[in-house]
Amino acid sequence: MLGVSGFESSANFVEEQQKGVFPKTLKNMWIIVSIINPLMAILALALFTIPVLQSDAYQNTLLIEMGHYVGGNWLSYLISIDAFLVLSGAVLTSFVGVTGLLERMTLDRIMPPFFLKKNKRGSSFRIIIMFFLLSVSVLLITKCNVKLLAGVYTISFLSVMFLFGIGNILLKIKRKTLPRPERASWIAVLIAIIAVLIALIGNMTMPPKEGLPSNLTVFLYYLIPTILFIAVMLNRTVLLKFLLKVLDAIFDTIRIFSIRADRKIKRTVAKINQQEFVFFTKGDDIATLNKVMLYIQRNEHTKKLKIVLAIDKGEKKPDKLDQEIDFLDREYPEIDIELVIIKDKFSPALIFKLSKEWGIPINFMFIGSPSEKFTYKIEELGGVRLII
């Protein structure tokens, strides 16, 4: 089940590959794993009896023992060097994956801006240092027990693979028309999810070694605080407003302190809500625009929204668009809606131009799900988000 570890970081580099390269990489990876892993298991059973394989002396260094049995010291040394290089690559992959993930989450305002600080070489050193410290803490909690470390990593990796399957299902349900070069069948996705769940349950129920916590316990040590932290970040304006009310109630007699805290929190909330968002419309009807407003209201911290309509030569503005925008402006008084008509063709160049001109990052710009006839690939649009 861990033969494809490293695949979880593919989201950080797949868009940088040439067209058609990633499917070949995936196919070659599966072919190699499907051949080598079963053969290694068969070879181990051919060389040693099952009681020997289950002994503690062989569990952590099985491949080295097999190499020494077959070829002597030189082969065991060669396998050791190869294992070191492979694990070094795995560590590098994990740092690349975590850096890309946290940078994107920070840009989407799920994580604090603290993590976006870069050094002179353009590396997000704060993310790297934090991940290094977390990795060392796992080593200390597990007391360097290789089997427990492997169990924790297995649960983490399989959880990511399970979420990949769930994400694929959501794509099928929510983004049917989204253009993509590869599509997995329902049967393949469901079989993959079931296989991962079986492996997950097996690892979670493994009895712990005496004196050590279980695989699941160590995994939860990190999962629960992470979920709580992200939940706080996603609801920080609500929590700040709640804190404001608590401060007003507790420190009502200490007016100076209360007034200063009140102003500071209000400035923080106002600063968060000052971020302006952009939605590129195709002249959508009132129902589609209302879905956009509902999404903005429920998921984003903002009080300003530009609805942009790009009109190419020969095209006309929809007759009822002004009336529909006016209706939405009255329906959602807490959000300042501005309709902007641009006489230009909708393109990546227009997105970059408006982002620079208005000072609005591209990841705060939205479009609806494009159809198969859409001229550009999603990755060419610079990171705009789909909300319908």
Protein backbone atom coordinates (compact mmCIF):
# COMPACT_ATOMS: atom_id res chain seq x y z
CA MET A 1 0.00 0.00 0.00
CA LEU A 2 3.02 2.32 0.43
CA GLY A 3 4.61 1.53 -2.92
CA VAL A 4 3.35 4.81 -4.41
CA SER A 5 4.34 7.06 -1.50
CA GLY A 6 5.40 10.43 -2.87
CA PHE A 7 2.36 10.60 -5.14
CA GLU A 8 0.61 12.79 -2.55
CA SER A 9 2.91 15.70 -3.50
CA SER A 10 1.98 15.48 -7.21
CA ALA A 11 -0.40 18.44 -6.92
CA ASN A 12 2.65 20.71 -6.46
CA PHE A 13 4.38 19.81 -9.72
CA VAL A 14 1.82 18.26 -12.09
CA GLU A 15 0.94 21.62 -13.68
CA GLU A 16 4.62 22.24 -14.47
CA GLN A 17 4.96 19.06 -16.53
CA GLN A 18 4.49 18.87 -20.28
CA LYS A 19 1.16 17.61 -21.58
CA GLY A 20 0.88 13.83 -21.34
CA VAL A 21 3.91 13.36 -19.04
CA PHE A 22 2.05 12.85 -15.76
CA PRO A 23 -0.12 9.91 -16.98
CA LYS A 24 3.06 8.17 -18.20
CA THR A 25 4.76 8.80 -14.84
CA LEU A 26 1.76 7.38 -12.99
CA LYS A 27 1.55 4.33 -15.27
CA ASN A 28 5.28 3.56 -14.97
CA MET A 29 5.11 3.92 -11.18
CA TRP A 30 2.25 1.44 -10.91
CA ILE A 31 3.88 -1.05 -13.29
CA ILE A 32 7.14 -1.02 -11.31
CA VAL A 33 5.37 -1.32 -7.95
CA SER A 34 3.05 -4.09 -9.18
CA ILE A 35 6.03 -6.16 -10.32
CA ILE A 36 8.69 -5.49 -7.67
CA ASN A 37 6.56 -5.59 -4.49
CA PRO A 38 5.01 -9.06 -5.00
CA LEU A 39 8.34 -10.48 -6.19
CA MET A 40 10.11 -9.13 -3.10
CA ALA A 41 7.49 -10.78 -0.87
CA ILE A 42 7.86 -14.10 -2.70
CA LEU A 43 11.67 -13.90 -2.49
CA ALA A 44 11.51 -13.20 1.27
CA LEU A 45 9.31 -16.27 1.79
CA ALA A 46 11.66 -18.35 -0.36
CA LEU A 47 14.74 -17.34 1.68
CA PHE A 48 13.41 -17.41 5.25
CA THR A 49 10.72 -19.17 7.23
CA ILE A 50 7.74 -17.16 8.51
CA PRO A 51 8.86 -17.25 12.19
CA VAL A 52 12.21 -15.76 11.14
CA LEU A 53 10.46 -13.02 9.13
CA GLN A 54 8.27 -12.17 12.13
CA SER A 55 11.19 -11.82 14.53
CA ASP A 56 12.22 -8.35 15.71
CA ALA A 57 15.74 -8.80 14.33
CA TYR A 58 14.47 -9.01 10.74
CA GLN A 59 11.52 -6.60 10.69
CA ASN A 60 13.54 -3.39 10.42
CA THR A 61 16.37 -4.67 8.15
CA LEU A 62 14.67 -7.37 6.07
CA LEU A 63 16.01 -6.30 2.65
CA ILE A 64 19.55 -6.00 4.01
CA GLU A 65 19.32 -9.50 5.54
CA MET A 66 18.00 -10.87 2.24
CA GLY A 67 20.87 -9.22 0.33
CA HIS A 68 23.44 -10.55 2.78
CA TYR A 69 21.99 -14.05 2.54
CA VAL A 70 22.07 -14.05 -1.27
CA GLY A 71 25.15 -11.99 -2.18
CA GLY A 72 27.14 -11.39 0.97
CA ASN A 73 28.37 -8.13 2.50
CA TRP A 74 28.74 -6.16 -0.76
CA LEU A 75 25.06 -6.62 -1.67
CA SER A 76 23.84 -5.72 1.83
CA TYR A 77 25.98 -2.54 1.72
CA LEU A 78 24.56 -1.68 -1.72
CA ILE A 79 20.97 -2.10 -0.45
CA SER A 80 21.78 0.08 2.59
CA ILE A 81 23.10 2.87 0.37
CA ASP A 82 20.07 2.58 -1.92
CA ALA A 83 17.68 2.70 1.06
CA PHE A 84 19.42 5.83 2.34
CA LEU A 85 19.07 7.57 -1.04
CA VAL A 86 15.43 6.54 -1.44
CA LEU A 87 14.51 7.76 2.06
CA SER A 88 16.41 11.01 1.45
CA GLY A 89 14.28 11.53 -1.65
CA ALA A 90 11.15 10.79 0.38
CA VAL A 91 12.13 13.38 2.98
CA LEU A 92 12.80 15.96 0.25
CA THR A 93 9.43 15.14 -1.34
CA SER A 94 7.66 15.65 1.98
CA PHE A 95 9.24 19.09 2.44
CA VAL A 96 8.26 20.08 -1.12
CA GLY A 97 4.71 18.86 -0.56
CA VAL A 98 4.24 20.59 2.79
CA THR A 99 5.73 23.87 1.52
CA GLY A 100 3.42 23.95 -1.52
CA LEU A 101 0.36 23.00 0.54
CA LEU A 102 0.89 25.57 3.30
CA GLU A 103 1.75 28.34 0.82
CA ARG A 104 -1.52 27.74 -1.02
CA MET A 105 -3.52 27.51 2.21
CA THR A 106 -1.92 30.77 3.37
CA LEU A 107 -2.72 32.52 0.09
CA ASP A 108 -6.35 31.40 0.52
CA ARG A 109 -6.25 32.90 4.05
CA ILE A 110 -6.73 29.53 5.77
CA MET A 111 -3.34 29.82 7.47
CA PRO A 112 -1.80 33.01 8.97
CA PRO A 113 0.39 35.23 6.70
CA PHE A 114 3.32 34.39 9.00
CA PHE A 115 4.14 31.41 6.77
CA LEU A 116 4.59 33.46 3.55
CA LYS A 117 7.86 35.06 4.67
CA LYS A 118 10.67 34.04 2.28
CA ASN A 119 14.45 34.26 2.45
CA LYS A 120 16.75 35.73 -0.24
CA ARG A 121 16.62 32.50 -2.24
CA GLY A 122 12.82 32.48 -2.33
CA SER A 123 12.33 29.60 0.13
CA SER A 124 9.53 29.64 2.69
CA PHE A 125 11.95 29.01 5.56
CA ARG A 126 9.35 29.34 8.30
CA ILE A 127 7.32 26.47 6.84
CA ILE A 128 10.46 24.36 6.47
CA ILE A 129 11.60 25.00 10.05
CA MET A 130 8.14 24.30 11.47
CA PHE A 131 7.85 21.01 9.54
CA PHE A 132 11.35 19.99 10.66
CA LEU A 133 10.44 20.59 14.32
CA LEU A 134 7.21 18.62 13.94
CA SER A 135 9.14 15.74 12.35
CA VAL A 136 11.63 15.72 15.22
CA SER A 137 8.77 15.77 17.74
CA VAL A 138 7.27 12.65 16.12
CA LEU A 139 10.64 10.95 16.47
CA LEU A 140 10.79 11.82 20.16
CA ILE A 141 7.19 10.78 20.91
CA THR A 142 7.70 7.38 19.25
CA LYS A 143 11.08 6.97 21.03
CA CYS A 144 12.70 6.24 17.64
CA ASN A 145 10.75 2.99 17.30
CA VAL A 146 10.88 2.24 13.55
CA LYS A 147 7.75 0.09 13.54
CA LEU A 148 5.67 2.78 15.31
CA LEU A 149 7.07 5.50 13.05
CA ALA A 150 6.16 3.42 10.01
CA GLY A 151 2.65 2.87 11.38
CA VAL A 152 2.07 6.61 11.92
CA TYR A 153 3.37 7.40 8.43
CA THR A 154 1.18 4.66 6.94
CA ILE A 155 -1.98 6.10 8.52
CA SER A 156 -1.05 9.60 7.32
CA PHE A 157 -0.29 8.50 3.77
CA LEU A 158 -3.36 6.30 3.42
CA SER A 159 -5.55 9.10 4.80
CA VAL A 160 -4.27 11.36 2.03
CA MET A 161 -4.96 8.66 -0.55
CA PHE A 162 -8.48 8.26 0.84
CA LEU A 163 -9.05 12.01 0.48
CA PHE A 164 -7.79 11.82 -3.12
CA GLY A 165 -10.57 9.31 -3.80
CA ILE A 166 -13.17 11.52 -2.11
CA GLY A 167 -11.89 14.48 -4.12
CA ASN A 168 -12.30 12.49 -7.34
CA ILE A 169 -15.91 11.71 -6.42
CA LEU A 170 -16.58 15.40 -5.71
CA LEU A 171 -15.14 16.27 -9.12
CA LYS A 172 -17.53 13.82 -10.76
CA ILE A 173 -20.54 15.21 -8.89
CA LYS A 174 -19.76 18.95 -8.68
CA ARG A 175 -17.56 19.51 -11.76
CA LYS A 176 -18.95 17.24 -14.47
CA THR A 177 -18.13 19.64 -17.31
CA LEU A 178 -14.68 20.66 -16.07
CA PRO A 179 -12.16 19.80 -18.84
CA ARG A 180 -9.45 17.36 -17.74
CA PRO A 181 -7.14 15.02 -19.68
CA GLU A 182 -7.66 11.97 -17.45
CA ARG A 183 -10.86 10.50 -15.98
CA ALA A 184 -11.18 7.58 -13.57
CA SER A 185 -14.25 5.35 -13.69
CA TRP A 186 -16.62 5.09 -10.72
CA ILE A 187 -15.69 1.43 -10.23
CA ALA A 188 -11.96 2.18 -10.13
CA VAL A 189 -12.42 5.02 -7.63
CA LEU A 190 -14.68 2.98 -5.32
CA ILE A 191 -12.34 -0.04 -5.40
CA ALA A 192 -9.40 2.25 -4.55
CA ILE A 193 -11.27 3.84 -1.64
CA ILE A 194 -12.33 0.45 -0.26
CA ALA A 195 -8.76 -0.90 -0.54
CA VAL A 196 -7.36 2.15 1.26
CA LEU A 197 -10.02 1.87 4.01
CA ILE A 198 -9.15 -1.79 4.59
CA ALA A 199 -5.46 -0.91 4.91
CA LEU A 200 -6.31 2.04 7.19
CA ILE A 201 -8.43 -0.08 9.52
CA GLY A 202 -5.72 -2.73 9.65
CA ASN A 203 -3.06 -0.21 10.66
CA MET A 204 -5.29 1.58 13.15
CA THR A 205 -6.17 -1.66 14.99
CA MET A 206 -2.60 -2.97 15.26
CA PRO A 207 -1.77 -3.62 18.94
CA PRO A 208 0.92 -1.23 20.28
CA LYS A 209 4.26 -2.37 21.58
CA GLU A 210 4.52 -2.45 25.35
CA GLY A 211 5.45 0.94 26.76
CA LEU A 212 4.59 2.79 23.51
CA PRO A 213 1.38 4.48 22.27
CA SER A 214 -0.54 2.99 19.33
CA ASN A 215 -0.21 4.15 15.72
CA LEU A 216 -3.62 5.85 15.87
CA THR A 217 -2.88 7.60 19.17
CA VAL A 218 0.28 9.29 17.84
CA PHE A 219 -1.53 10.21 14.62
CA LEU A 220 -4.33 11.88 16.63
CA TYR A 221 -1.78 13.84 18.67
CA TYR A 222 -1.14 15.88 15.51
CA LEU A 223 -4.45 15.61 13.64
CA ILE A 224 -6.71 17.06 16.37
CA PRO A 225 -4.64 20.22 17.08
CA THR A 226 -4.29 20.82 13.34
CA ILE A 227 -8.05 20.59 12.75
CA LEU A 228 -8.74 22.88 15.72
CA PHE A 229 -6.22 25.46 14.48
CA ILE A 230 -7.69 25.49 10.96
CA ALA A 231 -11.23 25.71 12.38
CA VAL A 232 -10.17 28.77 14.38
CA MET A 233 -8.61 30.38 11.28
CA LEU A 234 -11.72 29.77 9.18
CA ASN A 235 -13.95 31.33 11.84
CA ARG A 236 -11.59 33.98 13.15
CA THR A 237 -13.91 36.94 12.46
CA VAL A 238 -16.71 35.23 14.42
CA LEU A 239 -14.32 34.49 17.28
CA LEU A 240 -12.98 38.05 17.25
CA LYS A 241 -16.52 39.44 17.45
CA PHE A 242 -17.28 37.05 20.30
CA LEU A 243 -14.08 38.15 22.03
CA LEU A 244 -15.17 41.74 21.56
CA LYS A 245 -18.45 41.08 23.36
CA VAL A 246 -16.66 39.25 26.18
CA LEU A 247 -14.24 42.13 26.60
CA ASP A 248 -17.07 44.63 26.70
CA ALA A 249 -18.83 42.63 29.41
CA ILE A 250 -15.78 41.93 31.57
CA PHE A 251 -13.93 45.22 31.25
CA ASP A 252 -16.90 47.56 31.18
CA THR A 253 -15.58 49.33 34.28
CA ILE A 254 -12.12 49.70 32.77
CA ARG A 255 -13.23 51.84 29.85
CA ILE A 256 -9.81 52.82 28.56
CA PHE A 257 -8.68 49.23 28.08
CA SER A 258 -12.01 48.19 26.63
CA ILE A 259 -12.10 51.06 24.14
CA ARG A 260 -8.58 50.36 22.90
CA ALA A 261 -9.25 46.64 22.51
CA ASP A 262 -12.57 47.44 20.81
CA ARG A 263 -10.91 49.69 18.24
CA LYS A 264 -8.07 47.27 17.55
CA ILE A 265 -10.35 44.30 17.00
CA LYS A 266 -12.68 46.34 14.81
CA ARG A 267 -9.70 47.46 12.72
CA THR A 268 -8.60 43.84 12.38
CA VAL A 269 -12.08 42.71 11.29
CA ALA A 270 -12.35 45.68 8.91
CA LYS A 271 -8.91 44.90 7.44
CA ILE A 272 -9.94 41.29 6.78
CA ASN A 273 -13.22 42.41 5.19
CA GLN A 274 -11.53 45.09 3.07
CA GLN A 275 -10.17 42.48 0.71
CA GLU A 276 -12.04 42.90 -2.56
CA PHE A 277 -13.13 39.91 -4.65
CA VAL A 278 -13.85 39.60 -8.38
CA PHE A 279 -16.28 37.34 -10.23
CA PHE A 280 -16.04 37.07 -14.02
CA THR A 281 -19.54 36.60 -15.40
CA LYS A 282 -20.55 35.45 -18.86
CA GLY A 283 -23.81 37.33 -18.58
CA ASP A 284 -25.22 34.69 -16.24
CA ASP A 285 -28.86 34.76 -15.22
CA ILE A 286 -30.05 35.91 -11.82
CA ALA A 287 -30.08 32.35 -10.40
CA THR A 288 -26.37 31.82 -11.15
CA LEU A 289 -25.40 35.23 -9.81
CA ASN A 290 -27.37 34.52 -6.64
CA LYS A 291 -25.36 31.31 -6.13
CA VAL A 292 -22.20 33.41 -6.42
CA MET A 293 -23.46 35.80 -3.75
CA LEU A 294 -24.43 32.93 -1.45
CA TYR A 295 -20.95 31.42 -1.81
CA ILE A 296 -19.26 34.78 -1.08
CA GLN A 297 -21.52 35.37 1.92
CA ARG A 298 -20.93 31.91 3.43
CA ASN A 299 -17.26 31.32 2.66
CA GLU A 300 -15.37 34.60 2.30
CA HIS A 301 -14.62 37.50 4.63
CA THR A 302 -15.33 40.51 2.42
CA LYS A 303 -17.64 43.49 1.97
CA LYS A 304 -16.72 44.29 -1.65
CA LEU A 305 -17.34 42.36 -4.86
CA LYS A 306 -16.69 43.36 -8.46
CA ILE A 307 -18.78 41.50 -11.06
CA VAL A 308 -16.85 41.80 -14.32
CA LEU A 309 -18.31 41.23 -17.78
CA ALA A 310 -15.77 41.09 -20.64
CA ILE A 311 -17.45 41.96 -23.97
CA ASP A 312 -15.58 41.06 -27.14
CA LYS A 313 -16.17 42.81 -30.47
CA GLY A 314 -19.64 42.10 -31.82
CA GLU A 315 -21.04 41.06 -28.43
CA LYS A 316 -23.70 42.93 -26.48
CA LYS A 317 -24.33 43.30 -22.79
CA PRO A 318 -27.35 41.26 -21.60
CA ASP A 319 -30.40 43.55 -21.39
CA LYS A 320 -31.41 42.57 -17.85
CA LEU A 321 -27.92 42.49 -16.33
CA ASP A 322 -28.12 45.99 -14.79
CA GLN A 323 -31.50 45.21 -13.23
CA GLU A 324 -30.25 41.88 -11.84
CA ILE A 325 -27.16 43.50 -10.29
CA ASP A 326 -29.37 46.20 -8.77
CA PHE A 327 -31.63 43.49 -7.31
CA LEU A 328 -28.65 41.62 -5.82
CA ASP A 329 -27.29 44.87 -4.37
CA ARG A 330 -30.55 45.36 -2.48
CA GLU A 331 -30.80 41.67 -1.52
CA TYR A 332 -27.28 41.62 -0.03
CA PRO A 333 -26.86 45.08 1.56
CA GLU A 334 -23.83 43.93 3.60
CA ILE A 335 -21.81 43.43 0.39
CA ASP A 336 -20.96 46.36 -1.91
CA ILE A 337 -21.53 45.02 -5.45
CA GLU A 338 -20.00 46.83 -8.42
CA LEU A 339 -20.69 45.90 -12.05
CA VAL A 340 -17.70 46.51 -14.35
CA ILE A 341 -18.09 46.25 -18.14
CA ILE A 342 -14.80 45.73 -19.99
CA LYS A 343 -14.58 45.84 -23.77
CA ASP A 344 -12.03 43.11 -24.17
CA LYS A 345 -11.90 39.34 -24.69
CA PHE A 346 -11.81 37.20 -21.53
CA SER A 347 -8.30 35.73 -21.39
CA PRO A 348 -5.42 35.01 -18.99
CA ALA A 349 -3.86 38.32 -20.10
CA LEU A 350 -6.98 40.21 -19.03
CA ILE A 351 -6.96 38.47 -15.63
CA PHE A 352 -3.32 39.39 -14.98
CA LYS A 353 -3.94 42.95 -16.20
CA LEU A 354 -6.93 43.52 -13.89
CA SER A 355 -5.14 41.87 -10.95
CA LYS A 356 -2.23 44.29 -11.32
CA GLU A 357 -4.42 47.31 -12.02
CA TRP A 358 -6.80 46.76 -9.10
CA GLY A 359 -4.27 45.27 -6.69
CA ILE A 360 -6.39 42.15 -6.19
CA PRO A 361 -4.51 38.79 -6.05
CA ILE A 362 -5.65 36.31 -8.70
CA ASN A 363 -6.64 33.73 -6.06
CA PHE A 364 -9.34 36.20 -4.94
CA MET A 365 -10.89 36.09 -8.43
CA PHE A 366 -13.63 33.58 -9.32
CA ILE A 367 -15.17 32.09 -12.42
CA GLY A 368 -17.94 29.58 -12.95
CA SER A 369 -17.12 26.05 -14.13
CA PRO A 370 -16.17 26.23 -17.83
CA SER A 371 -17.55 23.87 -20.44
CA GLU A 372 -15.65 21.64 -22.86
CA LYS A 373 -15.70 24.53 -25.38
CA PHE A 374 -13.69 26.79 -23.08
CA THR A 375 -10.64 28.16 -24.92
CA TYR A 376 -8.11 27.98 -22.08
CA LYS A 377 -6.97 25.39 -19.56
CA ILE A 378 -7.71 26.13 -15.91
CA GLU A 379 -3.98 26.22 -15.05
CA GLU A 380 -3.45 28.96 -17.67
CA LEU A 381 -5.68 31.36 -15.73
CA GLY A 382 -3.08 31.98 -13.03
CA GLY A 383 -4.91 30.44 -10.07
CA VAL A 384 -8.47 31.78 -10.33
CA ARG A 385 -10.96 29.78 -8.27
CA LEU A 386 -14.09 27.91 -9.39
CA ILE A 387 -17.16 28.47 -7.25
CA ILE A 388 -20.00 27.05 -9.36
